[in-house]
N, C-alpha and C. Protein backbone atom coordinates (compact mmCIF):
# COMPACT_ATOMS: atom_id res chain seq x y z
N MET A 1 52.97 27.07 10.94
CA MET A 1 51.62 27.56 11.03
C MET A 1 51.22 27.57 12.50
N ASN A 2 50.45 28.52 12.83
CA ASN A 2 50.00 28.69 14.19
C ASN A 2 49.06 27.55 14.57
N ARG A 3 49.15 27.12 15.81
CA ARG A 3 48.31 26.01 16.30
C ARG A 3 46.83 26.38 16.20
N THR A 4 46.47 27.60 16.48
CA THR A 4 45.07 28.02 16.43
C THR A 4 44.53 27.92 15.00
N VAL A 5 45.33 28.30 14.02
CA VAL A 5 44.91 28.23 12.63
C VAL A 5 44.70 26.78 12.21
N LYS A 6 45.59 25.89 12.67
CA LYS A 6 45.46 24.47 12.35
C LYS A 6 44.17 23.89 12.94
N VAL A 7 43.85 24.28 14.15
CA VAL A 7 42.63 23.80 14.80
C VAL A 7 41.40 24.32 14.06
N ILE A 8 41.43 25.58 13.68
CA ILE A 8 40.30 26.17 12.95
C ILE A 8 40.12 25.49 11.59
N LEU A 9 41.22 25.25 10.87
CA LEU A 9 41.13 24.57 9.57
C LEU A 9 40.61 23.14 9.74
N GLY A 10 41.07 22.45 10.76
CA GLY A 10 40.59 21.08 11.01
C GLY A 10 39.11 21.07 11.33
N ALA A 11 38.67 22.01 12.14
CA ALA A 11 37.25 22.08 12.49
C ALA A 11 36.41 22.42 11.26
N ALA A 12 36.91 23.31 10.41
CA ALA A 12 36.18 23.68 9.20
C ALA A 12 36.07 22.48 8.24
N LEU A 13 37.15 21.71 8.12
CA LEU A 13 37.13 20.53 7.27
C LEU A 13 36.13 19.50 7.81
N ALA A 14 36.15 19.27 9.10
CA ALA A 14 35.22 18.32 9.71
C ALA A 14 33.77 18.79 9.54
N ALA A 15 33.52 20.07 9.72
CA ALA A 15 32.16 20.60 9.60
C ALA A 15 31.66 20.49 8.16
N SER A 16 32.52 20.78 7.19
CA SER A 16 32.08 20.69 5.79
C SER A 16 31.81 19.24 5.39
N THR A 17 32.64 18.32 5.86
CA THR A 17 32.41 16.90 5.57
C THR A 17 31.10 16.44 6.19
N LEU A 18 30.84 16.84 7.41
CA LEU A 18 29.60 16.47 8.09
C LEU A 18 28.39 17.07 7.38
N ALA A 19 28.53 18.29 6.91
CA ALA A 19 27.41 18.95 6.22
C ALA A 19 27.08 18.23 4.91
N LEU A 20 28.09 17.77 4.20
CA LEU A 20 27.85 17.07 2.94
C LEU A 20 27.15 15.73 3.16
N THR A 21 27.56 14.99 4.18
CA THR A 21 26.95 13.68 4.42
C THR A 21 25.58 13.80 5.08
N THR A 22 25.32 14.89 5.77
CA THR A 22 24.02 15.07 6.42
C THR A 22 22.92 15.22 5.38
N GLY A 23 23.18 15.92 4.29
CA GLY A 23 22.18 16.09 3.24
C GLY A 23 21.78 14.75 2.63
N ASP A 24 22.75 13.88 2.37
CA ASP A 24 22.45 12.56 1.81
C ASP A 24 21.68 11.71 2.81
N SER A 25 22.05 11.80 4.06
CA SER A 25 21.38 11.02 5.10
C SER A 25 19.94 11.46 5.25
N PHE A 26 19.69 12.76 5.21
CA PHE A 26 18.32 13.26 5.33
C PHE A 26 17.47 12.79 4.15
N ALA A 27 18.03 12.82 2.95
CA ALA A 27 17.28 12.38 1.76
C ALA A 27 16.92 10.90 1.88
N ALA A 28 17.86 10.08 2.36
CA ALA A 28 17.58 8.65 2.51
C ALA A 28 16.53 8.41 3.58
N SER A 29 16.60 9.14 4.68
CA SER A 29 15.61 8.92 5.73
C SER A 29 14.23 9.43 5.30
N GLN A 30 14.18 10.49 4.51
CA GLN A 30 12.89 10.98 4.01
C GLN A 30 12.28 9.95 3.07
N LYS A 31 13.11 9.33 2.23
CA LYS A 31 12.62 8.32 1.30
C LYS A 31 12.04 7.13 2.07
N GLN A 32 12.73 6.68 3.11
CA GLN A 32 12.23 5.56 3.92
C GLN A 32 10.94 5.94 4.63
N TYR A 33 10.89 7.16 5.15
CA TYR A 33 9.68 7.63 5.82
C TYR A 33 8.50 7.65 4.86
N CYS A 34 8.73 8.17 3.65
CA CYS A 34 7.65 8.26 2.67
C CYS A 34 7.19 6.88 2.21
N LYS A 35 8.14 5.94 2.08
CA LYS A 35 7.75 4.57 1.73
C LYS A 35 6.88 3.96 2.81
N ALA A 36 7.23 4.18 4.07
CA ALA A 36 6.44 3.64 5.17
C ALA A 36 5.04 4.26 5.21
N GLN A 37 4.96 5.56 5.00
CA GLN A 37 3.66 6.23 4.98
C GLN A 37 2.80 5.70 3.83
N ALA A 38 3.40 5.53 2.67
CA ALA A 38 2.66 5.04 1.50
C ALA A 38 2.19 3.60 1.72
N ASN A 39 3.03 2.77 2.34
CA ASN A 39 2.62 1.39 2.64
C ASN A 39 1.42 1.35 3.56
N ARG A 40 1.46 2.17 4.61
CA ARG A 40 0.33 2.19 5.56
C ARG A 40 -0.95 2.65 4.86
N ALA A 41 -0.84 3.67 4.04
CA ALA A 41 -2.03 4.19 3.34
C ALA A 41 -2.58 3.15 2.37
N ALA A 42 -1.70 2.44 1.66
CA ALA A 42 -2.15 1.44 0.69
C ALA A 42 -2.82 0.27 1.39
N GLN A 43 -2.26 -0.17 2.52
CA GLN A 43 -2.87 -1.27 3.26
C GLN A 43 -4.24 -0.87 3.79
N HIS A 44 -4.35 0.36 4.25
CA HIS A 44 -5.64 0.84 4.75
C HIS A 44 -6.65 0.95 3.61
N ALA A 45 -6.20 1.42 2.45
CA ALA A 45 -7.11 1.59 1.32
C ALA A 45 -7.59 0.25 0.77
N ALA A 46 -6.70 -0.73 0.75
CA ALA A 46 -7.07 -2.04 0.21
C ALA A 46 -8.07 -2.74 1.13
N GLY A 47 -7.88 -2.54 2.43
CA GLY A 47 -8.78 -3.15 3.40
C GLY A 47 -8.85 -4.64 3.20
N ASN A 48 -10.00 -5.18 3.36
CA ASN A 48 -10.19 -6.61 3.17
C ASN A 48 -11.04 -6.81 1.92
N SER A 49 -10.49 -6.41 0.78
CA SER A 49 -11.26 -6.45 -0.46
C SER A 49 -11.57 -7.87 -0.90
N VAL A 50 -10.69 -8.83 -0.57
CA VAL A 50 -10.97 -10.22 -0.95
C VAL A 50 -12.18 -10.73 -0.17
N GLY A 51 -12.20 -10.47 1.13
CA GLY A 51 -13.33 -10.91 1.96
C GLY A 51 -14.63 -10.23 1.57
N THR A 52 -14.55 -8.95 1.29
CA THR A 52 -15.75 -8.22 0.88
C THR A 52 -16.26 -8.73 -0.46
N GLY A 53 -15.34 -8.96 -1.40
CA GLY A 53 -15.73 -9.49 -2.71
C GLY A 53 -16.34 -10.87 -2.60
N ALA A 54 -15.78 -11.71 -1.73
CA ALA A 54 -16.32 -13.06 -1.54
C ALA A 54 -17.73 -13.00 -0.95
N ALA A 55 -17.92 -12.14 0.03
CA ALA A 55 -19.24 -12.04 0.66
C ALA A 55 -20.29 -11.52 -0.33
N LEU A 56 -19.94 -10.48 -1.08
CA LEU A 56 -20.89 -9.95 -2.06
C LEU A 56 -21.15 -10.95 -3.18
N GLY A 57 -20.09 -11.62 -3.63
CA GLY A 57 -20.26 -12.62 -4.69
C GLY A 57 -21.10 -13.80 -4.23
N ALA A 58 -20.90 -14.24 -2.98
CA ALA A 58 -21.70 -15.35 -2.45
C ALA A 58 -23.17 -14.96 -2.37
N GLY A 59 -23.42 -13.76 -1.93
CA GLY A 59 -24.81 -13.30 -1.85
C GLY A 59 -25.47 -13.26 -3.22
N ALA A 60 -24.78 -12.68 -4.18
CA ALA A 60 -25.33 -12.59 -5.53
C ALA A 60 -25.48 -13.98 -6.15
N GLY A 61 -24.48 -14.84 -5.92
CA GLY A 61 -24.55 -16.19 -6.47
C GLY A 61 -25.67 -17.01 -5.85
N GLY A 62 -25.88 -16.84 -4.55
CA GLY A 62 -26.97 -17.56 -3.89
C GLY A 62 -28.33 -17.13 -4.40
N VAL A 63 -28.50 -15.83 -4.60
CA VAL A 63 -29.76 -15.32 -5.14
C VAL A 63 -29.97 -15.84 -6.56
N TYR A 64 -28.92 -15.76 -7.37
CA TYR A 64 -29.03 -16.24 -8.75
C TYR A 64 -29.34 -17.74 -8.79
N GLY A 65 -28.65 -18.51 -7.95
CA GLY A 65 -28.90 -19.96 -7.90
C GLY A 65 -30.31 -20.27 -7.43
N GLY A 66 -30.82 -19.50 -6.49
CA GLY A 66 -32.18 -19.71 -6.02
C GLY A 66 -33.22 -19.37 -7.07
N VAL A 67 -32.99 -18.30 -7.82
CA VAL A 67 -33.94 -17.89 -8.85
C VAL A 67 -33.94 -18.86 -10.03
N THR A 68 -32.75 -19.23 -10.49
CA THR A 68 -32.67 -20.10 -11.67
C THR A 68 -33.00 -21.56 -11.33
N GLY A 69 -32.81 -21.96 -10.08
CA GLY A 69 -33.10 -23.35 -9.70
C GLY A 69 -34.45 -23.51 -9.06
N HIS A 70 -35.25 -22.45 -9.07
CA HIS A 70 -36.60 -22.46 -8.50
C HIS A 70 -36.58 -22.90 -7.04
N GLY A 71 -35.58 -22.44 -6.30
CA GLY A 71 -35.52 -22.70 -4.87
C GLY A 71 -34.88 -24.02 -4.48
N ALA A 72 -34.33 -24.76 -5.44
CA ALA A 72 -33.67 -26.03 -5.11
C ALA A 72 -32.41 -25.74 -4.30
N GLY A 73 -32.24 -26.47 -3.22
CA GLY A 73 -31.12 -26.23 -2.31
C GLY A 73 -29.76 -26.40 -2.95
N SER A 74 -29.63 -27.38 -3.82
CA SER A 74 -28.32 -27.62 -4.44
C SER A 74 -27.92 -26.46 -5.35
N ASN A 75 -28.88 -25.86 -6.02
CA ASN A 75 -28.57 -24.72 -6.89
C ASN A 75 -28.16 -23.50 -6.07
N ILE A 76 -28.79 -23.33 -4.92
CA ILE A 76 -28.44 -22.19 -4.05
C ILE A 76 -27.01 -22.37 -3.53
N VAL A 77 -26.69 -23.58 -3.08
CA VAL A 77 -25.34 -23.84 -2.56
C VAL A 77 -24.30 -23.67 -3.66
N THR A 78 -24.59 -24.17 -4.84
CA THR A 78 -23.67 -24.02 -5.97
C THR A 78 -23.49 -22.54 -6.30
N GLY A 79 -24.57 -21.80 -6.30
CA GLY A 79 -24.49 -20.36 -6.57
C GLY A 79 -23.68 -19.63 -5.51
N LEU A 80 -23.86 -20.02 -4.24
CA LEU A 80 -23.07 -19.42 -3.16
C LEU A 80 -21.58 -19.68 -3.36
N ALA A 81 -21.24 -20.92 -3.66
CA ALA A 81 -19.83 -21.29 -3.80
C ALA A 81 -19.18 -20.59 -4.99
N LEU A 82 -19.84 -20.66 -6.13
CA LEU A 82 -19.27 -20.01 -7.32
C LEU A 82 -19.20 -18.50 -7.17
N GLY A 83 -20.22 -17.92 -6.58
CA GLY A 83 -20.22 -16.48 -6.35
C GLY A 83 -19.12 -16.04 -5.40
N ALA A 84 -18.88 -16.85 -4.37
CA ALA A 84 -17.82 -16.51 -3.40
C ALA A 84 -16.45 -16.55 -4.06
N VAL A 85 -16.20 -17.57 -4.86
CA VAL A 85 -14.91 -17.68 -5.54
C VAL A 85 -14.72 -16.53 -6.53
N GLY A 86 -15.73 -16.30 -7.34
CA GLY A 86 -15.63 -15.21 -8.32
C GLY A 86 -15.50 -13.85 -7.65
N GLY A 87 -16.26 -13.64 -6.58
CA GLY A 87 -16.18 -12.37 -5.87
C GLY A 87 -14.82 -12.15 -5.21
N ALA A 88 -14.24 -13.22 -4.69
CA ALA A 88 -12.91 -13.11 -4.08
C ALA A 88 -11.86 -12.74 -5.12
N ILE A 89 -11.96 -13.33 -6.29
CA ILE A 89 -10.99 -13.02 -7.35
C ILE A 89 -11.13 -11.58 -7.81
N VAL A 90 -12.36 -11.17 -8.08
CA VAL A 90 -12.59 -9.79 -8.55
C VAL A 90 -12.24 -8.78 -7.46
N GLY A 91 -12.63 -9.07 -6.21
CA GLY A 91 -12.32 -8.16 -5.11
C GLY A 91 -10.83 -8.02 -4.87
N GLY A 92 -10.10 -9.13 -4.95
CA GLY A 92 -8.65 -9.07 -4.77
C GLY A 92 -7.96 -8.28 -5.86
N ALA A 93 -8.39 -8.48 -7.09
CA ALA A 93 -7.78 -7.77 -8.22
C ALA A 93 -8.06 -6.27 -8.15
N SER A 94 -9.28 -5.90 -7.87
CA SER A 94 -9.61 -4.48 -7.82
C SER A 94 -8.97 -3.82 -6.60
N GLY A 95 -8.88 -4.55 -5.51
CA GLY A 95 -8.25 -4.01 -4.30
C GLY A 95 -6.77 -3.75 -4.50
N GLN A 96 -6.09 -4.63 -5.22
CA GLN A 96 -4.66 -4.45 -5.48
C GLN A 96 -4.41 -3.23 -6.35
N GLN A 97 -5.20 -3.04 -7.36
CA GLN A 97 -5.03 -1.88 -8.24
C GLN A 97 -5.25 -0.58 -7.47
N HIS A 98 -6.28 -0.54 -6.66
CA HIS A 98 -6.56 0.65 -5.87
C HIS A 98 -5.44 0.92 -4.87
N ALA A 99 -4.92 -0.15 -4.26
CA ALA A 99 -3.82 0.01 -3.30
C ALA A 99 -2.58 0.57 -3.97
N LYS A 100 -2.27 0.14 -5.20
CA LYS A 100 -1.12 0.67 -5.93
C LYS A 100 -1.27 2.15 -6.21
N GLU A 101 -2.47 2.54 -6.62
CA GLU A 101 -2.71 3.96 -6.91
C GLU A 101 -2.55 4.81 -5.65
N VAL A 102 -3.09 4.33 -4.54
CA VAL A 102 -2.98 5.07 -3.29
C VAL A 102 -1.52 5.16 -2.86
N TYR A 103 -0.78 4.05 -2.98
CA TYR A 103 0.64 4.03 -2.60
C TYR A 103 1.41 5.12 -3.33
N TRP A 104 1.30 5.16 -4.66
CA TRP A 104 2.08 6.12 -5.43
C TRP A 104 1.63 7.56 -5.21
N ASN A 105 0.34 7.77 -5.01
CA ASN A 105 -0.13 9.12 -4.72
C ASN A 105 0.43 9.64 -3.41
N VAL A 106 0.38 8.80 -2.36
CA VAL A 106 0.88 9.22 -1.05
C VAL A 106 2.40 9.39 -1.10
N TYR A 107 3.10 8.48 -1.76
CA TYR A 107 4.56 8.58 -1.86
C TYR A 107 4.99 9.86 -2.57
N HIS A 108 4.36 10.16 -3.70
CA HIS A 108 4.74 11.37 -4.43
C HIS A 108 4.40 12.64 -3.67
N ASP A 109 3.27 12.64 -2.97
CA ASP A 109 2.93 13.80 -2.14
C ASP A 109 3.97 14.00 -1.04
N CYS A 110 4.36 12.91 -0.42
CA CYS A 110 5.32 12.98 0.69
C CYS A 110 6.68 13.48 0.21
N MET A 111 7.13 12.97 -0.95
CA MET A 111 8.45 13.35 -1.47
C MET A 111 8.42 14.74 -2.11
N GLY A 112 7.22 15.28 -2.37
CA GLY A 112 7.13 16.62 -2.93
C GLY A 112 7.25 16.65 -4.45
N TYR A 113 6.91 15.57 -5.11
CA TYR A 113 6.97 15.52 -6.58
C TYR A 113 5.80 16.23 -7.18
């Protein structure tokens, strides 16, 4: 066989092998890129929902404690504490659910589903 033909066949084999592996590599890198984008969007969407929930719960609990205790300081403090704990729990739970929804929406949009 002619040397030129051997070189051309070798180059064609190398090019076809490279073309096959490039498609898989691109798909893997797109998946990683989309995961990173979705993570950033979910973290941004969740924000500080625990802190916000605690602050809102403490405010509501303090008002409730003040109204039901007729202004007694111990009832206000108890209301603040219980409201903060309850608000943190509710805020964290709702923030996590919202973050999951945002993650999957962004991921599917990025991947083209």
